[in-house]
Amino acid sequence: MTTIALLASLLPLSYAAWYLILCVVSPWGRCRRCHGRRYHRTAIGTRRDCRRCDGTGRRARIGRRLAEYIRAEYRAGNR
């Protein structure tokens, strides 16, 4: 029974470690609004550059932004 509990507790930790490695190796992910197409369709059917990614189709991953925020707060506190 303890092996199941140990496995259940290690699963979220291993997922978090994998996501951290992914954010370090590849900090850019596809934009969730335009799905990496660099544009989105408006209500009348025309194409417009995506405002979230500025038409690049790539955005920083949430984990990367969180790590940069923590790093900036840490450096600001040490001054």
N, C-alpha and C. Protein backbone atom coordinates (compact mmCIF):
# COMPACT_ATOMS: atom_id res chain seq x y z
N MET A 1 0.81 -1.19 0.00
CA MET A 1 0.00 0.00 0.00
C MET A 1 0.86 1.26 0.00
N THR A 2 2.00 1.20 0.66
CA THR A 2 2.85 2.39 0.70
C THR A 2 3.50 2.66 -0.65
N THR A 3 3.69 1.64 -1.47
CA THR A 3 4.28 1.87 -2.78
C THR A 3 3.33 2.64 -3.67
N ILE A 4 2.03 2.40 -3.53
CA ILE A 4 1.04 3.15 -4.32
C ILE A 4 1.03 4.61 -3.88
N ALA A 5 1.10 4.86 -2.59
CA ALA A 5 1.13 6.23 -2.09
C ALA A 5 2.41 6.93 -2.51
N LEU A 6 3.52 6.21 -2.49
CA LEU A 6 4.78 6.79 -2.92
C LEU A 6 4.75 7.12 -4.41
N LEU A 7 4.22 6.21 -5.20
CA LEU A 7 4.10 6.45 -6.63
C LEU A 7 3.18 7.62 -6.92
N ALA A 8 2.07 7.71 -6.18
CA ALA A 8 1.12 8.82 -6.37
C ALA A 8 1.75 10.16 -6.00
N SER A 9 2.66 10.18 -5.04
CA SER A 9 3.29 11.44 -4.67
C SER A 9 4.44 11.79 -5.60
N LEU A 10 5.07 10.79 -6.20
CA LEU A 10 6.17 11.06 -7.12
C LEU A 10 5.71 11.49 -8.51
N LEU A 11 4.51 11.12 -8.87
CA LEU A 11 4.00 11.46 -10.20
C LEU A 11 3.90 12.97 -10.42
N PRO A 12 3.29 13.75 -9.53
CA PRO A 12 3.26 15.21 -9.74
C PRO A 12 4.65 15.85 -9.69
N LEU A 13 5.51 15.32 -8.84
CA LEU A 13 6.87 15.86 -8.77
C LEU A 13 7.65 15.60 -10.05
N SER A 14 7.47 14.43 -10.63
CA SER A 14 8.17 14.13 -11.88
C SER A 14 7.62 14.97 -13.02
N TYR A 15 6.30 15.22 -13.02
CA TYR A 15 5.72 16.09 -14.05
C TYR A 15 6.25 17.51 -13.91
N ALA A 16 6.35 18.02 -12.70
CA ALA A 16 6.87 19.36 -12.47
C ALA A 16 8.33 19.46 -12.89
N ALA A 17 9.11 18.43 -12.61
CA ALA A 17 10.51 18.43 -13.03
C ALA A 17 10.62 18.42 -14.55
N TRP A 18 9.77 17.62 -15.20
CA TRP A 18 9.79 17.56 -16.67
C TRP A 18 9.42 18.92 -17.26
N TYR A 19 8.40 19.59 -16.70
CA TYR A 19 7.99 20.89 -17.21
C TYR A 19 9.09 21.94 -16.99
N LEU A 20 9.78 21.87 -15.87
CA LEU A 20 10.88 22.79 -15.61
C LEU A 20 12.00 22.59 -16.63
N ILE A 21 12.33 21.35 -16.92
CA ILE A 21 13.35 21.07 -17.94
C ILE A 21 12.90 21.58 -19.30
N LEU A 22 11.63 21.38 -19.63
CA LEU A 22 11.09 21.85 -20.90
C LEU A 22 11.17 23.37 -21.00
N CYS A 23 10.88 24.08 -19.91
CA CYS A 23 10.94 25.54 -19.93
C CYS A 23 12.36 26.05 -20.08
N VAL A 24 13.33 25.32 -19.57
CA VAL A 24 14.73 25.72 -19.71
C VAL A 24 15.23 25.44 -21.12
N VAL A 25 14.91 24.27 -21.64
CA VAL A 25 15.41 23.86 -22.96
C VAL A 25 14.68 24.61 -24.08
N SER A 26 13.38 24.72 -23.97
CA SER A 26 12.57 25.36 -25.00
C SER A 26 11.61 26.35 -24.35
N PRO A 27 12.06 27.60 -24.11
CA PRO A 27 11.20 28.54 -23.38
C PRO A 27 10.02 29.07 -24.19
N TRP A 28 10.01 28.86 -25.49
CA TRP A 28 8.94 29.39 -26.33
C TRP A 28 7.96 28.29 -26.70
N GLY A 29 6.68 28.61 -26.59
CA GLY A 29 5.61 27.69 -26.98
C GLY A 29 4.71 28.38 -27.99
N ARG A 30 3.80 27.60 -28.56
CA ARG A 30 2.87 28.20 -29.52
C ARG A 30 1.90 29.11 -28.79
N CYS A 31 1.51 30.17 -29.45
CA CYS A 31 0.53 31.10 -28.90
C CYS A 31 -0.81 30.38 -28.79
N ARG A 32 -1.48 30.55 -27.64
CA ARG A 32 -2.76 29.86 -27.45
C ARG A 32 -3.90 30.52 -28.20
N ARG A 33 -3.75 31.78 -28.54
CA ARG A 33 -4.84 32.45 -29.23
C ARG A 33 -4.84 32.15 -30.72
N CYS A 34 -3.67 32.25 -31.36
CA CYS A 34 -3.63 32.04 -32.81
C CYS A 34 -3.13 30.63 -33.16
N HIS A 35 -2.75 29.84 -32.16
CA HIS A 35 -2.27 28.46 -32.35
C HIS A 35 -1.04 28.39 -33.25
N GLY A 36 -0.20 29.44 -33.21
CA GLY A 36 1.04 29.47 -33.96
C GLY A 36 0.88 29.90 -35.41
N ARG A 37 -0.31 30.29 -35.83
CA ARG A 37 -0.53 30.69 -37.22
C ARG A 37 -0.12 32.14 -37.48
N ARG A 38 0.12 32.93 -36.44
CA ARG A 38 0.52 34.33 -36.51
C ARG A 38 -0.63 35.29 -36.79
N TYR A 39 -1.81 34.78 -37.03
CA TYR A 39 -2.97 35.63 -37.26
C TYR A 39 -4.19 34.93 -36.68
N HIS A 40 -5.25 35.68 -36.57
CA HIS A 40 -6.52 35.08 -36.16
C HIS A 40 -7.62 35.72 -36.99
N ARG A 41 -8.72 35.04 -37.08
CA ARG A 41 -9.86 35.54 -37.84
C ARG A 41 -10.72 36.43 -36.95
N THR A 42 -11.19 37.51 -37.52
CA THR A 42 -12.07 38.41 -36.78
C THR A 42 -13.52 37.95 -36.98
N ALA A 43 -14.44 38.68 -36.39
CA ALA A 43 -15.86 38.32 -36.47
C ALA A 43 -16.39 38.41 -37.90
N ILE A 44 -15.82 39.31 -38.71
CA ILE A 44 -16.30 39.45 -40.08
C ILE A 44 -15.51 38.59 -41.06
N GLY A 45 -14.56 37.82 -40.56
CA GLY A 45 -13.85 36.87 -41.41
C GLY A 45 -12.51 37.34 -41.96
N THR A 46 -12.06 38.52 -41.61
CA THR A 46 -10.77 38.98 -42.10
C THR A 46 -9.65 38.50 -41.18
N ARG A 47 -8.45 38.49 -41.69
CA ARG A 47 -7.29 38.09 -40.90
C ARG A 47 -6.64 39.30 -40.26
N ARG A 48 -6.19 39.11 -39.03
CA ARG A 48 -5.44 40.15 -38.32
C ARG A 48 -4.29 39.51 -37.60
N ASP A 49 -3.19 40.27 -37.48
CA ASP A 49 -2.06 39.77 -36.69
C ASP A 49 -2.51 39.59 -35.25
N CYS A 50 -2.01 38.54 -34.65
CA CYS A 50 -2.36 38.24 -33.27
C CYS A 50 -1.71 39.28 -32.36
N ARG A 51 -2.51 39.85 -31.45
CA ARG A 51 -1.97 40.87 -30.55
C ARG A 51 -1.21 40.25 -29.38
N ARG A 52 -1.54 39.04 -29.00
CA ARG A 52 -0.86 38.42 -27.87
C ARG A 52 0.59 38.10 -28.19
N CYS A 53 0.86 37.62 -29.40
CA CYS A 53 2.23 37.23 -29.74
C CYS A 53 2.86 38.22 -30.72
N ASP A 54 2.20 39.31 -31.04
CA ASP A 54 2.67 40.32 -32.00
C ASP A 54 2.95 39.73 -33.38
N GLY A 55 2.18 38.73 -33.75
CA GLY A 55 2.30 38.15 -35.08
C GLY A 55 3.48 37.20 -35.24
N THR A 56 4.08 36.75 -34.15
CA THR A 56 5.20 35.82 -34.26
C THR A 56 4.75 34.36 -34.16
N GLY A 57 3.62 34.11 -33.52
CA GLY A 57 3.14 32.76 -33.33
C GLY A 57 3.76 32.07 -32.13
N ARG A 58 4.68 32.74 -31.43
CA ARG A 58 5.37 32.14 -30.29
C ARG A 58 5.21 33.04 -29.07
N ARG A 59 5.07 32.42 -27.90
CA ARG A 59 5.02 33.14 -26.63
C ARG A 59 5.83 32.39 -25.61
N ALA A 60 6.30 33.11 -24.61
CA ALA A 60 7.05 32.46 -23.53
C ALA A 60 6.10 31.56 -22.73
N ARG A 61 6.58 30.40 -22.37
CA ARG A 61 5.76 29.47 -21.59
C ARG A 61 5.46 30.06 -20.21
N ILE A 62 4.39 29.60 -19.62
CA ILE A 62 3.97 30.11 -18.31
C ILE A 62 5.05 29.85 -17.27
N GLY A 63 5.63 28.67 -17.31
CA GLY A 63 6.69 28.34 -16.36
C GLY A 63 7.91 29.22 -16.52
N ARG A 64 8.23 29.59 -17.75
CA ARG A 64 9.36 30.47 -17.99
C ARG A 64 9.09 31.87 -17.45
N ARG A 65 7.86 32.36 -17.66
CA ARG A 65 7.51 33.68 -17.13
C ARG A 65 7.52 33.69 -15.62
N LEU A 66 7.06 32.60 -15.01
CA LEU A 66 7.07 32.49 -13.56
C LEU A 66 8.49 32.47 -13.03
N ALA A 67 9.37 31.74 -13.67
CA ALA A 67 10.77 31.67 -13.23
C ALA A 67 11.45 33.03 -13.37
N GLU A 68 11.16 33.75 -14.45
CA GLU A 68 11.75 35.08 -14.63
C GLU A 68 11.21 36.06 -13.59
N TYR A 69 9.94 35.94 -13.23
CA TYR A 69 9.36 36.81 -12.20
C TYR A 69 10.03 36.55 -10.85
N ILE A 70 10.18 35.29 -10.50
CA ILE A 70 10.81 34.93 -9.22
C ILE A 70 12.26 35.42 -9.20
N ARG A 71 12.97 35.26 -10.30
CA ARG A 71 14.36 35.71 -10.37
C ARG A 71 14.45 37.23 -10.22
N ALA A 72 13.54 37.97 -10.86
CA ALA A 72 13.55 39.43 -10.77
C ALA A 72 13.22 39.89 -9.33
N GLU A 73 12.28 39.23 -8.69
CA GLU A 73 11.94 39.58 -7.32
C GLU A 73 13.10 39.27 -6.38
N TYR A 74 13.79 38.17 -6.59
CA TYR A 74 14.93 37.80 -5.77
C TYR A 74 16.04 38.82 -5.92
N ARG A 75 16.31 39.22 -7.16
CA ARG A 75 17.39 40.19 -7.39
C ARG A 75 17.02 41.56 -6.85
N ALA A 76 15.75 41.94 -6.91
CA ALA A 76 15.32 43.23 -6.37
C ALA A 76 15.39 43.25 -4.85
N GLY A 77 15.19 42.11 -4.22
CA GLY A 77 15.26 42.04 -2.77
C GLY A 77 16.67 42.06 -2.23
N ASN A 78 17.65 41.72 -3.04
CA ASN A 78 19.04 41.66 -2.60
C ASN A 78 19.76 42.98 -2.78
N ARG A 79 19.09 44.00 -3.22
CA ARG A 79 19.78 45.29 -3.44
C ARG A 79 19.78 46.12 -2.22
